[in-house]
């Protein structure tokens, strides 16, 4: 008996899980909407494995992400919309079309030229898709993390010149928004405070873009740094028989500074 190709085995497993009467009750209850959060979560776990440099974990997480693609494709096939092979075919066609210098006769010498060419082709694809909504911003997914979406919105608008000329104007706008946030807090108006903090974050996303920094990556790094240093505080306190709950802010702040110096000396 011929052993099925790995992808065929996976597709058969997915089909079995979704088979009425004999499939998995949980899998049978799912829809595009209920599975979407898991798809996003798995993409983040792939990024986390990469950030940790853990290739064993990366292999597993890529498998989990692939399963999400298979799951969505199976549900679409059940509705007669498309199947997994259609997804693969469409992706292959798009990749070949977007790389005419590899699969065609066009000559592209640098990565920068390829990026420009890629954007031109993506713009043409968007134009074909968005006949009902011609806005430049129409196809930026609402489900993206807010900070990432802010960066993409401003990047798209910048293509047509709607952008601050330099970093100095961004810093000035940031100062303005911080001042307005102070005023909103003084007014004790929760809705106004939320609005102004949102404006601050939006300007920071602009600042990151102008500085050629991915704000989502930057914030992830900051999160990791905070976690690393706070864990260092917990370990230091534990050695003295203490915990954060039984320690003062001054003591923990002092340990935070020690953690910073410890990292610099590594």
C-alpha atoms as a PDB file:
ATOM      1  CA  UNK A   1       0.000   0.000   0.000  1.00  0.00           C
ATOM      2  CA  UNK A   2       1.398   3.372  -1.006  1.00  0.00           C
ATOM      3  CA  UNK A   3       1.947   5.796   1.839  1.00  0.00           C
ATOM      4  CA  UNK A   4       0.073   9.048   1.143  1.00  0.00           C
ATOM      5  CA  UNK A   5       2.019  12.264   0.807  1.00  0.00           C
ATOM      6  CA  UNK A   6       2.165  14.179   4.124  1.00  0.00           C
ATOM      7  CA  UNK A   7      -0.131  16.948   2.881  1.00  0.00           C
ATOM      8  CA  UNK A   8      -2.665  14.401   1.614  1.00  0.00           C
ATOM      9  CA  UNK A   9      -2.605  12.682   4.989  1.00  0.00           C
ATOM     10  CA  UNK A  10      -3.265  16.020   6.694  1.00  0.00           C
ATOM     11  CA  UNK A  11      -6.162  16.781   4.343  1.00  0.00           C
ATOM     12  CA  UNK A  12      -7.625  13.345   5.047  1.00  0.00           C
ATOM     13  CA  UNK A  13      -7.342  13.953   8.795  1.00  0.00           C
ATOM     14  CA  UNK A  14      -9.135  17.285   8.437  1.00  0.00           C
ATOM     15  CA  UNK A  15     -11.873  15.694   6.356  1.00  0.00           C
ATOM     16  CA  UNK A  16     -12.334  12.986   9.002  1.00  0.00           C
ATOM     17  CA  UNK A  17     -12.544  15.556  11.788  1.00  0.00           C
ATOM     18  CA  UNK A  18     -15.308  17.392   9.895  1.00  0.00           C
ATOM     19  CA  UNK A  19     -17.275  14.315   8.812  1.00  0.00           C
ATOM     20  CA  UNK A  20     -20.816  14.442  10.257  1.00  0.00           C
ATOM     21  CA  UNK A  21     -21.715  11.675  12.737  1.00  0.00           C
ATOM     22  CA  UNK A  22     -18.185  10.253  12.941  1.00  0.00           C
ATOM     23  CA  UNK A  23     -16.079  13.416  13.205  1.00  0.00           C
ATOM     24  CA  UNK A  24     -14.959  15.395  16.233  1.00  0.00           C
ATOM     25  CA  UNK A  25     -17.880  17.255  17.884  1.00  0.00           C
ATOM     26  CA  UNK A  26     -15.712  20.314  18.591  1.00  0.00           C
ATOM     27  CA  UNK A  27     -14.328  20.542  15.048  1.00  0.00           C
ATOM     28  CA  UNK A  28     -17.805  20.090  13.578  1.00  0.00           C
ATOM     29  CA  UNK A  29     -19.136  23.054  15.572  1.00  0.00           C
ATOM     30  CA  UNK A  30     -16.516  25.479  14.284  1.00  0.00           C
ATOM     31  CA  UNK A  31     -16.919  28.205  11.658  1.00  0.00           C
ATOM     32  CA  UNK A  32     -14.640  30.716   9.954  1.00  0.00           C
ATOM     33  CA  UNK A  33     -15.466  33.204  12.698  1.00  0.00           C
ATOM     34  CA  UNK A  34     -14.685  30.875  15.601  1.00  0.00           C
ATOM     35  CA  UNK A  35     -11.459  29.579  14.070  1.00  0.00           C
ATOM     36  CA  UNK A  36     -10.093  33.017  13.057  1.00  0.00           C
ATOM     37  CA  UNK A  37      -8.809  33.894  16.576  1.00  0.00           C
ATOM     38  CA  UNK A  38      -6.864  30.614  16.669  1.00  0.00           C
ATOM     39  CA  UNK A  39      -5.353  31.415  13.273  1.00  0.00           C
ATOM     40  CA  UNK A  40      -4.104  34.750  14.577  1.00  0.00           C
ATOM     41  CA  UNK A  41      -2.804  33.128  17.759  1.00  0.00           C
ATOM     42  CA  UNK A  42      -0.874  30.505  15.800  1.00  0.00           C
ATOM     43  CA  UNK A  43       0.743  33.197  13.630  1.00  0.00           C
ATOM     44  CA  UNK A  44       1.953  34.931  16.783  1.00  0.00           C
ATOM     45  CA  UNK A  45       3.317  31.658  18.133  1.00  0.00           C
ATOM     46  CA  UNK A  46       5.309  31.250  14.928  1.00  0.00           C
ATOM     47  CA  UNK A  47       6.750  34.732  15.463  1.00  0.00           C
ATOM     48  CA  UNK A  48       7.505  33.884  19.094  1.00  0.00           C
ATOM     49  CA  UNK A  49       9.416  30.733  18.121  1.00  0.00           C
ATOM     50  CA  UNK A  50      11.457  32.791  15.646  1.00  0.00           C
ATOM     51  CA  UNK A  51      12.174  35.444  18.281  1.00  0.00           C
ATOM     52  CA  UNK A  52      13.414  32.734  20.644  1.00  0.00           C
ATOM     53  CA  UNK A  53      15.570  31.166  17.943  1.00  0.00           C
ATOM     54  CA  UNK A  54      13.896  27.834  18.691  1.00  0.00           C
ATOM     55  CA  UNK A  55      13.788  25.863  15.441  1.00  0.00           C
ATOM     56  CA  UNK A  56      12.234  22.811  17.102  1.00  0.00           C
ATOM     57  CA  UNK A  57       9.359  24.976  18.293  1.00  0.00           C
ATOM     58  CA  UNK A  58       9.216  26.748  14.922  1.00  0.00           C
ATOM     59  CA  UNK A  59       8.639  23.444  13.131  1.00  0.00           C
ATOM     60  CA  UNK A  60       5.740  22.644  15.464  1.00  0.00           C
ATOM     61  CA  UNK A  61       4.209  26.121  15.252  1.00  0.00           C
ATOM     62  CA  UNK A  62       4.422  26.195  11.460  1.00  0.00           C
ATOM     63  CA  UNK A  63       2.534  22.909  11.484  1.00  0.00           C
ATOM     64  CA  UNK A  64      -0.141  24.417  13.724  1.00  0.00           C
ATOM     65  CA  UNK A  65      -0.423  27.405  11.385  1.00  0.00           C
ATOM     66  CA  UNK A  66      -0.696  25.115   8.354  1.00  0.00           C
ATOM     67  CA  UNK A  67      -3.497  23.250  10.111  1.00  0.00           C
ATOM     68  CA  UNK A  68      -5.381  26.539  10.380  1.00  0.00           C
ATOM     69  CA  UNK A  69      -5.124  26.989   6.602  1.00  0.00           C
ATOM     70  CA  UNK A  70      -6.336  23.430   6.059  1.00  0.00           C
ATOM     71  CA  UNK A  71      -9.218  23.972   8.501  1.00  0.00           C
ATOM     72  CA  UNK A  72     -10.454  27.117   6.734  1.00  0.00           C
ATOM     73  CA  UNK A  73     -10.048  25.508   3.310  1.00  0.00           C
ATOM     74  CA  UNK A  74     -12.046  22.462   4.408  1.00  0.00           C
ATOM     75  CA  UNK A  75     -14.940  24.602   5.654  1.00  0.00           C
ATOM     76  CA  UNK A  76     -14.915  26.521   2.373  1.00  0.00           C
ATOM     77  CA  UNK A  77     -14.928  23.264   0.413  1.00  0.00           C
ATOM     78  CA  UNK A  78     -17.961  22.086   2.385  1.00  0.00           C
ATOM     79  CA  UNK A  79     -19.746  25.243   1.246  1.00  0.00           C
ATOM     80  CA  UNK A  80     -18.705  24.713  -2.370  1.00  0.00           C
ATOM     81  CA  UNK A  81     -16.611  27.890  -2.377  1.00  0.00           C
ATOM     82  CA  UNK A  82     -13.057  26.583  -2.844  1.00  0.00           C
ATOM     83  CA  UNK A  83     -10.748  23.799  -1.646  1.00  0.00           C
ATOM     84  CA  UNK A  84      -7.188  23.556  -0.366  1.00  0.00           C
ATOM     85  CA  UNK A  85      -5.785  22.931  -3.848  1.00  0.00           C
ATOM     86  CA  UNK A  86      -7.435  26.150  -5.039  1.00  0.00           C
ATOM     87  CA  UNK A  87      -5.635  28.025  -2.255  1.00  0.00           C
ATOM     88  CA  UNK A  88      -2.312  26.513  -3.293  1.00  0.00           C
ATOM     89  CA  UNK A  89      -2.951  27.155  -6.982  1.00  0.00           C
ATOM     90  CA  UNK A  90      -3.920  30.755  -6.372  1.00  0.00           C
ATOM     91  CA  UNK A  91      -0.844  31.338  -4.223  1.00  0.00           C
ATOM     92  CA  UNK A  92       1.459  29.744  -6.801  1.00  0.00           C
ATOM     93  CA  UNK A  93      -0.009  31.860  -9.599  1.00  0.00           C
ATOM     94  CA  UNK A  94       0.397  35.017  -7.525  1.00  0.00           C
ATOM     95  CA  UNK A  95       4.002  34.271  -6.539  1.00  0.00           C
ATOM     96  CA  UNK A  96       5.003  33.613 -10.145  1.00  0.00           C
ATOM     97  CA  UNK A  97       3.258  36.795 -11.313  1.00  0.00           C
ATOM     98  CA  UNK A  98       4.961  38.845  -8.589  1.00  0.00           C
ATOM     99  CA  UNK A  99       8.417  37.517  -9.484  1.00  0.00           C
ATOM    100  CA  UNK A 100       8.721  38.081 -13.247  1.00  0.00           C
ATOM    101  CA  UNK A 101      12.500  38.397 -12.813  1.00  0.00           C
ATOM    102  CA  UNK A 102      12.591  34.752 -11.622  1.00  0.00           C
ATOM    103  CA  UNK A 103       9.784  33.142 -13.641  1.00  0.00           C
ATOM    104  CA  UNK A 104       9.753  35.536 -16.602  1.00  0.00           C
ATOM    105  CA  UNK A 105      12.060  37.765 -18.616  1.00  0.00           C
ATOM    106  CA  UNK A 106      12.063  40.969 -16.552  1.00  0.00           C
ATOM    107  CA  UNK A 107      15.440  42.007 -15.134  1.00  0.00           C
ATOM    108  CA  UNK A 108      15.550  43.196 -11.505  1.00  0.00           C
ATOM    109  CA  UNK A 109      18.993  43.737 -10.001  1.00  0.00           C
ATOM    110  CA  UNK A 110      18.361  44.771  -6.381  1.00  0.00           C
ATOM    111  CA  UNK A 111      16.036  43.973  -3.493  1.00  0.00           C
ATOM    112  CA  UNK A 112      14.898  47.611  -3.508  1.00  0.00           C
ATOM    113  CA  UNK A 113      13.811  47.340  -7.143  1.00  0.00           C
ATOM    114  CA  UNK A 114      11.929  44.165  -6.325  1.00  0.00           C
ATOM    115  CA  UNK A 115      10.161  45.869  -3.417  1.00  0.00           C
ATOM    116  CA  UNK A 116       9.058  48.704  -5.722  1.00  0.00           C
ATOM    117  CA  UNK A 117       7.923  46.226  -8.373  1.00  0.00           C
ATOM    118  CA  UNK A 118       6.065  44.203  -5.726  1.00  0.00           C
ATOM    119  CA  UNK A 119       4.176  47.279  -4.534  1.00  0.00           C
ATOM    120  CA  UNK A 120       3.172  48.190  -8.098  1.00  0.00           C
ATOM    121  CA  UNK A 121       1.780  44.719  -8.705  1.00  0.00           C
ATOM    122  CA  UNK A 122       0.004  44.647  -5.343  1.00  0.00           C
ATOM    123  CA  UNK A 123      -1.582  47.998  -6.188  1.00  0.00           C
ATOM    124  CA  UNK A 124      -2.887  46.550  -9.464  1.00  0.00           C
ATOM    125  CA  UNK A 125      -4.269  43.526  -7.617  1.00  0.00           C
ATOM    126  CA  UNK A 126      -5.963  45.785  -5.070  1.00  0.00           C
ATOM    127  CA  UNK A 127      -7.511  47.861  -7.834  1.00  0.00           C
ATOM    128  CA  UNK A 128      -9.000  44.722  -9.359  1.00  0.00           C
ATOM    129  CA  UNK A 129     -10.359  43.534  -6.010  1.00  0.00           C
ATOM    130  CA  UNK A 130     -11.692  46.807  -4.691  1.00  0.00           C
ATOM    131  CA  UNK A 131     -14.007  48.011  -7.412  1.00  0.00           C
ATOM    132  CA  UNK A 132     -16.683  48.615  -4.782  1.00  0.00           C
ATOM    133  CA  UNK A 133     -14.365  50.555  -2.456  1.00  0.00           C
ATOM    134  CA  UNK A 134     -11.696  52.565  -4.253  1.00  0.00           C
ATOM    135  CA  UNK A 135     -10.132  53.951  -1.057  1.00  0.00           C
ATOM    136  CA  UNK A 136      -6.383  53.575  -0.770  1.00  0.00           C
ATOM    137  CA  UNK A 137      -6.988  52.145   2.711  1.00  0.00           C
ATOM    138  CA  UNK A 138      -9.769  49.723   1.811  1.00  0.00           C
ATOM    139  CA  UNK A 139      -7.889  46.423   2.000  1.00  0.00           C
ATOM    140  CA  UNK A 140      -5.957  46.964   5.250  1.00  0.00           C
ATOM    141  CA  UNK A 141      -7.465  44.241   7.470  1.00  0.00           C
ATOM    142  CA  UNK A 142      -9.492  45.375  10.462  1.00  0.00           C
ATOM    143  CA  UNK A 143      -8.364  42.297  12.390  1.00  0.00           C
ATOM    144  CA  UNK A 144      -4.706  43.362  12.468  1.00  0.00           C
ATOM    145  CA  UNK A 145      -3.286  44.343  15.862  1.00  0.00           C
ATOM    146  CA  UNK A 146      -4.126  48.016  16.325  1.00  0.00           C
ATOM    147  CA  UNK A 147      -0.524  49.213  16.433  1.00  0.00           C
ATOM    148  CA  UNK A 148       0.379  47.268  13.294  1.00  0.00           C
ATOM    149  CA  UNK A 149      -2.718  48.565  11.500  1.00  0.00           C
ATOM    150  CA  UNK A 150      -1.882  52.159  12.476  1.00  0.00           C
ATOM    151  CA  UNK A 151       1.560  51.767  10.895  1.00  0.00           C
ATOM    152  CA  UNK A 152       0.057  50.298   7.730  1.00  0.00           C
ATOM    153  CA  UNK A 153      -2.601  53.025   7.472  1.00  0.00           C
ATOM    154  CA  UNK A 154      -0.039  55.806   7.709  1.00  0.00           C
ATOM    155  CA  UNK A 155       2.368  54.030   5.367  1.00  0.00           C
ATOM    156  CA  UNK A 156      -0.364  53.708   2.753  1.00  0.00           C
ATOM    157  CA  UNK A 157      -1.377  57.370   3.113  1.00  0.00           C
ATOM    158  CA  UNK A 158       2.273  58.432   2.869  1.00  0.00           C
ATOM    159  CA  UNK A 159       2.454  56.948  -0.633  1.00  0.00           C
ATOM    160  CA  UNK A 160       0.288  59.795  -1.914  1.00  0.00           C
ATOM    161  CA  UNK A 161       2.124  62.473   0.066  1.00  0.00           C
ATOM    162  CA  UNK A 162      -0.128  62.584   3.147  1.00  0.00           C
ATOM    163  CA  UNK A 163       2.744  62.512   5.618  1.00  0.00           C
ATOM    164  CA  UNK A 164       4.862  64.701   7.854  1.00  0.00           C
ATOM    165  CA  UNK A 165       7.997  65.917   6.006  1.00  0.00           C
ATOM    166  CA  UNK A 166      10.387  64.977   8.822  1.00  0.00           C
ATOM    167  CA  UNK A 167      10.701  63.468  12.270  1.00  0.00           C
ATOM    168  CA  UNK A 168      10.630  66.907  13.881  1.00  0.00           C
ATOM    169  CA  UNK A 169       6.999  67.446  12.863  1.00  0.00           C
ATOM    170  CA  UNK A 170       6.153  64.042  14.312  1.00  0.00           C
ATOM    171  CA  UNK A 171       7.816  64.905  17.613  1.00  0.00           C
ATOM    172  CA  UNK A 172       5.899  68.191  17.704  1.00  0.00           C
ATOM    173  CA  UNK A 173       2.632  66.337  17.110  1.00  0.00           C
ATOM    174  CA  UNK A 174       3.526  63.819  19.811  1.00  0.00           C
ATOM    175  CA  UNK A 175       4.102  66.635  22.311  1.00  0.00           C
ATOM    176  CA  UNK A 176       0.757  68.156  21.326  1.00  0.00           C
ATOM    177  CA  UNK A 177      -1.079  64.868  21.823  1.00  0.00           C
ATOM    178  CA  UNK A 178       0.606  64.241  25.190  1.00  0.00           C
ATOM    179  CA  UNK A 179      -0.465  67.713  26.349  1.00  0.00           C
ATOM    180  CA  UNK A 180      -4.032  66.981  25.230  1.00  0.00           C
ATOM    181  CA  UNK A 181      -3.911  63.690  27.127  1.00  0.00           C
ATOM    182  CA  UNK A 182      -2.885  65.569  30.289  1.00  0.00           C
ATOM    183  CA  UNK A 183      -5.854  67.883  29.823  1.00  0.00           C
ATOM    184  CA  UNK A 184      -8.236  64.963  29.316  1.00  0.00           C
ATOM    185  CA  UNK A 185      -6.960  63.300  32.494  1.00  0.00           C
ATOM    186  CA  UNK A 186      -7.392  66.568  34.394  1.00  0.00           C
ATOM    187  CA  UNK A 187     -10.994  66.669  33.161  1.00  0.00           C
ATOM    188  CA  UNK A 188     -11.484  63.070  34.400  1.00  0.00           C
ATOM    189  CA  UNK A 189     -13.445  62.253  31.234  1.00  0.00           C
ATOM    190  CA  UNK A 190     -12.865  58.530  30.493  1.00  0.00           C
ATOM    191  CA  UNK A 191     -13.991  58.741  26.843  1.00  0.00           C
ATOM    192  CA  UNK A 192     -11.772  61.767  26.193  1.00  0.00           C
ATOM    193  CA  UNK A 193      -8.819  60.109  27.935  1.00  0.00           C
ATOM    194  CA  UNK A 194      -9.217  57.004  25.786  1.00  0.00           C
ATOM    195  CA  UNK A 195      -9.382  59.127  22.643  1.00  0.00           C
ATOM    196  CA  UNK A 196      -6.253  61.110  23.476  1.00  0.00           C
ATOM    197  CA  UNK A 197      -4.224  58.063  24.482  1.00  0.00           C
ATOM    198  CA  UNK A 198      -5.267  56.510  21.171  1.00  0.00           C
ATOM    199  CA  UNK A 199      -3.976  59.615  19.391  1.00  0.00           C
ATOM    200  CA  UNK A 200      -0.649  59.334  21.236  1.00  0.00           C
ATOM    201  CA  UNK A 201      -0.285  55.700  20.200  1.00  0.00           C
ATOM    202  CA  UNK A 202      -1.203  56.550  16.606  1.00  0.00           C
ATOM    203  CA  UNK A 203       1.488  59.245  16.462  1.00  0.00           C
ATOM    204  CA  UNK A 204       3.997  56.806  17.977  1.00  0.00           C
ATOM    205  CA  UNK A 205       3.169  54.344  15.190  1.00  0.00           C
ATOM    206  CA  UNK A 206       3.911  57.153  12.729  1.00  0.00           C
ATOM    207  CA  UNK A 207       7.170  57.922  14.519  1.00  0.00           C
ATOM    208  CA  UNK A 208       8.212  54.290  14.287  1.00  0.00           C
ATOM    209  CA  UNK A 209       7.415  54.190  10.585  1.00  0.00           C
ATOM    210  CA  UNK A 210       9.363  57.367   9.907  1.00  0.00           C
ATOM    211  CA  UNK A 211      12.301  55.930  11.854  1.00  0.00           C
ATOM    212  CA  UNK A 212      12.024  52.700   9.811  1.00  0.00           C
ATOM    213  CA  UNK A 213      11.105  50.629  12.865  1.00  0.00           C
ATOM    214  CA  UNK A 214       8.266  48.106  12.990  1.00  0.00           C
ATOM    215  CA  UNK A 215       6.208  49.322  15.986  1.00  0.00           C
ATOM    216  CA  UNK A 216       4.760  45.868  16.644  1.00  0.00           C
ATOM    217  CA  UNK A 217       8.251  44.349  16.791  1.00  0.00           C
ATOM    218  CA  UNK A 218       9.485  47.226  18.940  1.00  0.00           C
ATOM    219  CA  UNK A 219       6.654  46.799  21.434  1.00  0.00           C
ATOM    220  CA  UNK A 220       7.147  43.038  21.515  1.00  0.00           C
ATOM    221  CA  UNK A 221      10.812  43.635  22.354  1.00  0.00           C
ATOM    222  CA  UNK A 222       9.823  46.086  25.073  1.00  0.00           C
ATOM    223  CA  UNK A 223       7.357  43.549  26.483  1.00  0.00           C
ATOM    224  CA  UNK A 224      10.064  40.883  26.529  1.00  0.00           C
ATOM    225  CA  UNK A 225      12.488  43.274  28.215  1.00  0.00           C
ATOM    226  CA  UNK A 226       9.953  44.184  30.894  1.00  0.00           C
ATOM    227  CA  UNK A 227       9.174  40.513  31.550  1.00  0.00           C
ATOM    228  CA  UNK A 228      12.868  39.610  31.707  1.00  0.00           C
ATOM    229  CA  UNK A 229      13.673  42.366  34.191  1.00  0.00           C
ATOM    230  CA  UNK A 230      10.598  41.773  36.347  1.00  0.00           C
ATOM    231  CA  UNK A 231      11.450  38.079  36.572  1.00  0.00           C
ATOM    232  CA  UNK A 232      14.958  39.132  37.669  1.00  0.00           C
ATOM    233  CA  UNK A 233      13.349  41.216  40.451  1.00  0.00           C
ATOM    234  CA  UNK A 234      11.214  38.256  41.532  1.00  0.00           C
ATOM    235  CA  UNK A 235      14.250  35.969  41.664  1.00  0.00           C
ATOM    236  CA  UNK A 236      16.296  38.514  43.608  1.00  0.00           C
ATOM    237  CA  UNK A 237      13.494  38.969  46.136  1.00  0.00           C
ATOM    238  CA  UNK A 238      13.002  35.233  46.443  1.00  0.00           C
ATOM    239  CA  UNK A 239      16.660  34.813  47.435  1.00  0.00           C
ATOM    240  CA  UNK A 240      15.944  37.107  50.396  1.00  0.00           C
ATOM    241  CA  UNK A 241      12.781  35.227  51.273  1.00  0.00           C
ATOM    242  CA  UNK A 242      10.540  37.975  49.921  1.00  0.00           C
ATOM    243  CA  UNK A 243       8.038  38.477  47.103  1.00  0.00           C
ATOM    244  CA  UNK A 244       6.772  41.498  45.135  1.00  0.00           C
ATOM    245  CA  UNK A 245       3.644  41.509  47.320  1.00  0.00           C
ATOM    246  CA  UNK A 246       5.739  41.950  50.470  1.00  0.00           C
ATOM    247  CA  UNK A 247       8.178  44.492  49.028  1.00  0.00           C
ATOM    248  CA  UNK A 248       7.978  48.257  48.615  1.00  0.00           C
ATOM    249  CA  UNK A 249       7.993  50.111  45.326  1.00  0.00           C
ATOM    250  CA  UNK A 250      11.324  51.693  46.279  1.00  0.00           C
ATOM    251  CA  UNK A 251      12.889  48.267  46.851  1.00  0.00           C
ATOM    252  CA  UNK A 252      11.597  46.871  43.561  1.00  0.00           C
ATOM    253  CA  UNK A 253      12.648  50.020  41.684  1.00  0.00           C
ATOM    254  CA  UNK A 254      16.158  49.634  43.066  1.00  0.00           C
ATOM    255  CA  UNK A 255      16.235  46.019  41.901  1.00  0.00           C
ATOM    256  CA  UNK A 256      14.943  47.126  38.487  1.00  0.00           C
ATOM    257  CA  UNK A 257      17.955  49.387  38.122  1.00  0.00           C
ATOM    258  CA  UNK A 258      20.207  46.501  39.181  1.00  0.00           C
ATOM    259  CA  UNK A 259      18.556  44.330  36.532  1.00  0.00           C
ATOM    260  CA  UNK A 260      19.299  46.961  33.893  1.00  0.00           C
ATOM    261  CA  UNK A 261      22.959  47.134  34.948  1.00  0.00           C
ATOM    262  CA  UNK A 262      23.139  43.332  34.991  1.00  0.00           C
ATOM    263  CA  UNK A 263      21.918  43.188  31.363  1.00  0.00           C
ATOM    264  CA  UNK A 264      24.415  45.809  30.244  1.00  0.00           C
ATOM    265  CA  UNK A 265      27.279  43.800  31.755  1.00  0.00           C
ATOM    266  CA  UNK A 266      26.331  40.554  30.015  1.00  0.00           C
END
